[in-house]
């Protein structure tokens, strides 16, 4: 037979599942590796929090034995070179509540600073959201040259760190005669541009057809704002509230510069002033200080994720 008449032998088809096995294996291996890496980073980031909480149940003698060399000072108040290894302990030898008893009942100064933090941060979060929701509704609903200029100015202010605007805030507070009062902290915080930027970007994702349908039904601007925009922006508002609360709960520069009276300073400032004779109390005070942030985050985690990922529109 000639070569032209020869038929090429038929190749046997292998089952598709044999070829797909390596792909499934590598896909599963990537998921496992990514999970292990994420778990390692999670443990690494959670270690300081866990260490602070567990060490708050240690006695003063045990804390000094484990970490005394870190906080040791010379007779003149200088720091001592640490030549020893610090013993990091996650489980106390004996659980003690003496630190919390001292903080909550025997030393009212710590609770006073805690309530100073609440008094400073609470009005800022509440009124900043009110101002931001109204301003962002105006930016989202109306177009024009002036609106673009003002919104661009908001973005520029948001990009600047607070240390850049600290001197202007001090001069304005001095001109308004509100230095050494809570208003020196409240006013810059209430009109901070971060929440305005976040809510404006979110409101712009609301479909125009929804607002036009409400206008056809006779709804005014206030009704559109209250019954359409605010319910749809619930996730974004919760996200802004959580982020603003954490930001101002940890503020240090503003109280130090604008409040000269130490009695009005929040707990965030007072934490750095705990002296070497109260090493054991530092862990207990830090744990109490973390509780509001942890509770707010755990309660609003779902809203935080929704506010960041939700693209606008009507949910079914």
Protein backbone atom coordinates (compact mmCIF):
# COMPACT_ATOMS: atom_id res chain seq x y z
CA UNK A 1 0.00 0.00 0.00
CA UNK A 2 1.16 3.48 -0.79
CA UNK A 3 1.75 6.10 1.85
CA UNK A 4 -1.25 8.10 0.62
CA UNK A 5 -3.64 5.24 1.27
CA UNK A 6 -2.36 4.59 4.73
CA UNK A 7 -4.59 5.79 7.50
CA UNK A 8 -3.11 7.42 10.54
CA UNK A 9 -3.73 5.38 13.68
CA UNK A 10 -6.45 6.77 15.85
CA UNK A 11 -5.35 8.25 19.13
CA UNK A 12 -7.17 7.08 22.15
CA UNK A 13 -8.98 9.82 24.00
CA UNK A 14 -8.14 10.00 27.64
CA UNK A 15 -10.81 10.80 30.11
CA UNK A 16 -11.09 14.54 30.76
CA UNK A 17 -10.95 14.04 34.49
CA UNK A 18 -7.35 12.80 34.25
CA UNK A 19 -6.24 16.12 32.70
CA UNK A 20 -8.28 18.13 35.16
CA UNK A 21 -6.77 16.47 38.23
CA UNK A 22 -3.52 18.51 38.24
CA UNK A 23 -5.48 21.75 37.85
CA UNK A 24 -7.73 20.88 40.77
CA UNK A 25 -4.69 19.87 42.82
CA UNK A 26 -2.84 23.12 42.20
CA UNK A 27 -6.00 25.16 42.76
CA UNK A 28 -6.52 23.46 46.11
CA UNK A 29 -2.82 23.85 46.97
CA UNK A 30 -2.99 27.61 46.28
CA UNK A 31 -6.03 27.94 48.52
CA UNK A 32 -4.29 26.06 51.32
CA UNK A 33 -1.11 28.14 51.00
CA UNK A 34 -3.06 31.40 50.94
CA UNK A 35 -5.06 30.31 53.99
CA UNK A 36 -1.90 29.41 55.91
CA UNK A 37 -0.26 32.75 55.04
CA UNK A 38 -3.40 34.68 56.04
CA UNK A 39 -3.63 32.73 59.31
CA UNK A 40 0.04 33.46 60.07
CA UNK A 41 -0.44 37.20 59.53
CA UNK A 42 -3.65 37.14 61.60
CA UNK A 43 -1.85 35.48 64.49
CA UNK A 44 1.03 37.94 64.16
CA UNK A 45 -1.30 40.95 64.28
CA UNK A 46 -3.40 39.54 67.11
CA UNK A 47 -0.44 38.69 69.34
CA UNK A 48 -0.08 42.20 70.88
CA UNK A 49 -3.80 42.32 71.70
CA UNK A 50 -3.82 38.84 73.22
CA UNK A 51 -0.61 39.59 75.12
CA UNK A 52 -2.09 42.80 76.56
CA UNK A 53 -5.33 41.12 77.65
CA UNK A 54 -3.69 38.08 79.24
CA UNK A 55 -0.98 40.12 80.96
CA UNK A 56 -3.62 42.37 82.49
CA UNK A 57 -4.53 39.44 84.75
CA UNK A 58 -0.99 39.13 86.10
CA UNK A 59 0.12 40.47 89.44
CA UNK A 60 2.55 43.38 89.72
CA UNK A 61 5.38 41.12 90.90
CA UNK A 62 4.99 38.77 87.94
CA UNK A 63 4.87 41.63 85.44
CA UNK A 64 7.97 43.23 86.94
CA UNK A 65 9.79 39.90 86.80
CA UNK A 66 8.93 39.41 83.13
CA UNK A 67 9.10 42.96 81.77
CA UNK A 68 10.86 44.97 84.47
CA UNK A 69 13.99 45.45 82.39
CA UNK A 70 11.96 47.15 79.64
CA UNK A 71 10.65 49.87 81.96
CA UNK A 72 13.77 50.19 84.13
CA UNK A 73 15.21 53.70 84.53
CA UNK A 74 18.29 55.20 86.11
CA UNK A 75 18.31 57.48 89.12
CA UNK A 76 18.22 60.53 86.84
CA UNK A 77 15.22 59.20 84.92
CA UNK A 78 17.13 57.90 81.89
CA UNK A 79 16.52 54.58 80.20
CA UNK A 80 18.55 51.51 81.03
CA UNK A 81 20.18 49.41 78.32
CA UNK A 82 18.39 46.06 78.17
CA UNK A 83 20.94 43.28 78.35
CA UNK A 84 18.46 40.59 79.36
CA UNK A 85 15.87 38.77 77.30
CA UNK A 86 12.31 39.84 77.94
CA UNK A 87 10.07 36.93 78.90
CA UNK A 88 6.86 37.11 76.87
CA UNK A 89 4.17 35.18 78.73
CA UNK A 90 0.67 34.60 77.40
CA UNK A 91 -0.58 32.61 80.39
CA UNK A 92 -0.16 34.09 83.89
CA UNK A 93 1.10 31.87 86.68
CA UNK A 94 -1.74 33.07 88.88
CA UNK A 95 -4.79 34.96 87.64
CA UNK A 96 -5.20 38.23 89.53
CA UNK A 97 -7.88 40.91 89.26
CA UNK A 98 -5.98 43.38 91.43
CA UNK A 99 -5.09 45.58 88.44
CA UNK A 100 -8.75 45.99 87.46
CA UNK A 101 -9.78 46.61 91.07
CA UNK A 102 -7.22 49.39 91.27
CA UNK A 103 -8.24 50.93 87.96
CA UNK A 104 -12.02 50.71 88.43
CA UNK A 105 -12.40 51.38 92.15
CA UNK A 106 -9.23 52.66 93.80
CA UNK A 107 -7.98 55.11 91.15
CA UNK A 108 -10.82 57.24 89.77
CA UNK A 109 -8.32 59.16 87.66
CA UNK A 110 -8.31 56.42 85.03
CA UNK A 111 -12.09 56.37 84.74
CA UNK A 112 -12.11 60.17 84.54
CA UNK A 113 -9.77 60.03 81.55
CA UNK A 114 -11.93 57.31 79.99
CA UNK A 115 -15.04 59.48 80.23
CA UNK A 116 -13.06 62.41 78.85
CA UNK A 117 -12.45 60.26 75.76
CA UNK A 118 -16.16 59.46 75.50
CA UNK A 119 -17.13 63.13 75.89
CA UNK A 120 -14.66 64.19 73.21
CA UNK A 121 -15.33 61.46 70.66
CA UNK A 122 -19.10 60.95 70.98
CA UNK A 123 -20.23 64.40 69.71
CA UNK A 124 -17.62 64.32 66.94
CA UNK A 125 -18.93 61.03 65.54
CA UNK A 126 -22.61 62.02 65.83
CA UNK A 127 -22.44 65.52 64.36
CA UNK A 128 -19.81 64.69 61.76
CA UNK A 129 -22.18 62.08 60.31
CA UNK A 130 -25.06 64.57 60.31
CA UNK A 131 -23.00 67.28 58.59
CA UNK A 132 -21.41 64.78 56.20
CA UNK A 133 -24.73 63.24 55.15
CA UNK A 134 -26.21 66.65 54.31
CA UNK A 135 -23.08 67.86 52.51
CA UNK A 136 -22.63 64.63 50.57
CA UNK A 137 -26.28 64.74 49.46
CA UNK A 138 -25.65 68.20 48.01
CA UNK A 139 -22.46 67.09 46.27
CA UNK A 140 -24.16 64.00 44.82
CA UNK A 141 -27.39 65.68 43.67
CA UNK A 142 -26.18 68.92 42.14
CA UNK A 143 -23.67 69.50 39.39
CA UNK A 144 -21.70 72.63 38.62
CA UNK A 145 -18.33 74.31 38.57
CA UNK A 146 -18.57 75.56 42.13
CA UNK A 147 -19.46 72.10 43.42
CA UNK A 148 -16.40 70.59 41.73
CA UNK A 149 -14.09 73.22 43.22
CA UNK A 150 -15.45 72.77 46.75
CA UNK A 151 -15.32 68.98 46.51
CA UNK A 152 -11.75 69.15 45.20
CA UNK A 153 -10.85 71.31 48.20
CA UNK A 154 -12.38 68.62 50.45
CA UNK A 155 -10.16 65.98 48.86
CA UNK A 156 -7.04 68.13 49.30
CA UNK A 157 -7.86 68.67 52.98
CA UNK A 158 -8.47 64.96 53.47
CA UNK A 159 -5.08 64.08 51.96
CA UNK A 160 -3.27 66.38 54.35
CA UNK A 161 -2.20 64.86 57.68
CA UNK A 162 -3.57 66.48 60.80
CA UNK A 163 -0.12 67.77 61.75
CA UNK A 164 -0.22 70.09 58.72
CA UNK A 165 -3.50 71.72 59.74
CA UNK A 166 -2.72 71.74 63.47
CA UNK A 167 -1.26 75.26 63.49
CA UNK A 168 -4.20 76.80 61.56
CA UNK A 169 -6.61 75.02 63.91
CA UNK A 170 -4.73 76.42 66.88
CA UNK A 171 -4.82 79.96 65.48
CA UNK A 172 -8.53 79.74 64.66
CA UNK A 173 -9.33 78.32 68.10
CA UNK A 174 -7.35 81.13 69.71
CA UNK A 175 -9.23 83.71 67.62
CA UNK A 176 -12.57 82.15 68.63
CA UNK A 177 -11.45 82.04 72.30
CA UNK A 178 -12.19 78.33 72.58
CA UNK A 179 -8.71 77.11 73.52
CA UNK A 180 -8.61 74.82 76.56
CA UNK A 181 -12.25 73.89 75.93
CA UNK A 182 -13.84 70.86 74.32
CA UNK A 183 -14.98 73.03 71.42
CA UNK A 184 -11.36 73.26 70.21
CA UNK A 185 -11.51 69.51 69.60
CA UNK A 186 -15.16 69.25 68.58
CA UNK A 187 -15.32 71.85 65.81
CA UNK A 188 -12.41 70.59 63.65
CA UNK A 189 -13.62 67.02 64.15
CA UNK A 190 -17.26 67.73 63.27
CA UNK A 191 -16.30 69.39 59.98
CA UNK A 192 -13.65 66.84 59.01
CA UNK A 193 -13.83 66.01 55.26
CA UNK A 194 -13.31 62.23 55.49
CA UNK A 195 -16.95 61.24 56.05
CA UNK A 196 -18.11 63.74 53.40
CA UNK A 197 -15.84 62.16 50.81
CA UNK A 198 -16.88 58.60 51.71
CA UNK A 199 -20.63 59.28 51.68
CA UNK A 200 -20.46 61.39 48.51
CA UNK A 201 -18.81 58.58 46.58
CA UNK A 202 -21.44 56.19 47.90
CA UNK A 203 -24.44 58.41 47.10
CA UNK A 204 -23.26 58.90 43.53
CA UNK A 205 -23.76 55.15 42.99
CA UNK A 206 -27.47 55.38 43.70
CA UNK A 207 -29.30 55.01 40.36
CA UNK A 208 -30.72 58.26 39.02
CA UNK A 209 -33.88 56.42 37.95
CA UNK A 210 -34.76 55.79 41.61
CA UNK A 211 -34.59 59.49 42.44
CA UNK A 212 -36.48 60.46 39.28
CA UNK A 213 -39.25 57.99 40.15
CA UNK A 214 -39.53 59.57 43.60
CA UNK A 215 -39.76 63.04 42.04
CA UNK A 216 -42.52 61.88 39.70
CA UNK A 217 -44.42 60.64 42.75
CA UNK A 218 -44.17 64.12 44.23
CA UNK A 219 -41.29 63.64 46.69
CA UNK A 220 -39.32 66.73 47.64
CA UNK A 221 -35.61 67.03 48.33
CA UNK A 222 -36.02 66.38 52.06
CA UNK A 223 -38.11 63.28 51.42
CA UNK A 224 -35.59 61.98 48.86
CA UNK A 225 -32.79 62.56 51.36
CA UNK A 226 -34.58 61.00 54.31
CA UNK A 227 -36.51 58.11 52.70
CA UNK A 228 -34.24 57.09 49.82
CA UNK A 229 -30.64 58.20 50.28
CA UNK A 230 -30.32 57.57 54.01
CA UNK A 231 -31.73 53.99 53.97
CA UNK A 232 -29.57 53.09 50.97
CA UNK A 233 -26.49 54.62 52.64
CA UNK A 234 -26.93 52.77 55.93
CA UNK A 235 -23.87 50.61 55.32
CA UNK A 236 -21.71 53.58 54.33
CA UNK A 237 -22.85 55.59 57.37
CA UNK A 238 -21.97 52.70 59.71
CA UNK A 239 -18.61 52.32 58.00
CA UNK A 240 -17.88 56.03 58.39
CA UNK A 241 -18.99 55.94 62.04
CA UNK A 242 -16.65 53.05 62.85
CA UNK A 243 -13.66 54.58 61.09
CA UNK A 244 -14.23 58.06 62.54
CA UNK A 245 -14.67 56.66 66.05
CA UNK A 246 -11.43 54.64 65.90
CA UNK A 247 -9.54 57.61 64.45
CA UNK A 248 -10.59 60.10 67.14
CA UNK A 249 -10.55 57.56 69.97
CA UNK A 250 -6.80 57.26 69.37
CA UNK A 251 -6.07 60.97 68.95
CA UNK A 252 -3.06 62.34 70.80
CA UNK A 253 -1.81 65.53 69.09
CA UNK A 254 -5.07 67.48 69.28
CA UNK A 255 -5.55 67.25 73.06
CA UNK A 256 -1.88 67.89 73.76
CA UNK A 257 -1.84 71.12 71.73
CA UNK A 258 -5.36 72.46 72.16
CA UNK A 259 -6.03 71.41 75.77
CA UNK A 260 -3.40 72.60 78.23
CA UNK A 261 -5.35 71.41 81.28
CA UNK A 262 -4.33 67.81 81.98
CA UNK A 263 -7.69 67.16 83.68
CA UNK A 264 -9.44 67.39 80.31
CA UNK A 265 -7.05 65.06 78.45
CA UNK A 266 -8.47 61.76 77.14
CA UNK A 267 -7.20 58.33 78.10
CA UNK A 268 -5.18 58.07 74.86
CA UNK A 269 -2.89 60.82 76.14
CA UNK A 270 -2.81 59.55 79.69
CA UNK A 271 -1.71 56.05 78.64
CA UNK A 272 1.72 57.37 77.71
CA UNK A 273 2.11 59.02 81.11
CA UNK A 274 1.82 55.91 83.26
CA UNK A 275 5.05 55.91 85.26
CA UNK A 276 7.38 53.03 86.03
CA UNK A 277 5.81 52.46 89.43
CA UNK A 278 2.49 51.48 87.78
CA UNK A 279 3.69 48.99 85.17
CA UNK A 280 1.03 46.46 86.12
CA UNK A 281 -1.77 48.96 85.64
CA UNK A 282 -0.68 49.74 82.09
CA UNK A 283 -1.99 46.42 80.76
CA UNK A 284 -5.33 46.73 82.57
CA UNK A 285 -5.84 50.33 81.42
CA UNK A 286 -4.88 49.41 77.85
CA UNK A 287 -7.38 46.53 77.89
CA UNK A 288 -10.19 48.79 79.11
CA UNK A 289 -9.17 51.32 76.47
CA UNK A 290 -9.49 48.71 73.70
CA UNK A 291 -12.95 47.48 74.74
CA UNK A 292 -15.06 50.20 72.96
CA UNK A 293 -13.17 49.80 69.68
CA UNK A 294 -13.46 46.02 69.77
CA UNK A 295 -17.16 46.07 70.59
CA UNK A 296 -17.97 48.62 67.89
CA UNK A 297 -15.96 46.71 65.30
CA UNK A 298 -17.50 43.34 66.18
CA UNK A 299 -21.02 44.81 66.18
CA UNK A 300 -20.57 46.77 62.94
CA UNK A 301 -18.31 44.39 61.00
CA UNK A 302 -21.11 43.39 58.64
CA UNK A 303 -22.03 47.03 57.97
CA UNK A 304 -18.36 47.94 57.50
CA UNK A 305 -17.88 45.33 54.79
CA UNK A 306 -21.21 46.24 53.18
CA UNK A 307 -20.33 49.93 53.14
CA UNK A 308 -17.03 49.25 51.41
CA UNK A 309 -18.18 46.66 48.84
CA UNK A 310 -21.79 47.68 48.10
CA UNK A 311 -22.09 49.38 44.73
CA UNK A 312 -25.40 51.15 45.24
CA UNK A 313 -28.87 50.42 43.99
CA UNK A 314 -31.97 48.80 45.38
CA UNK A 315 -31.74 45.50 47.21
CA UNK A 316 -34.40 42.93 46.62
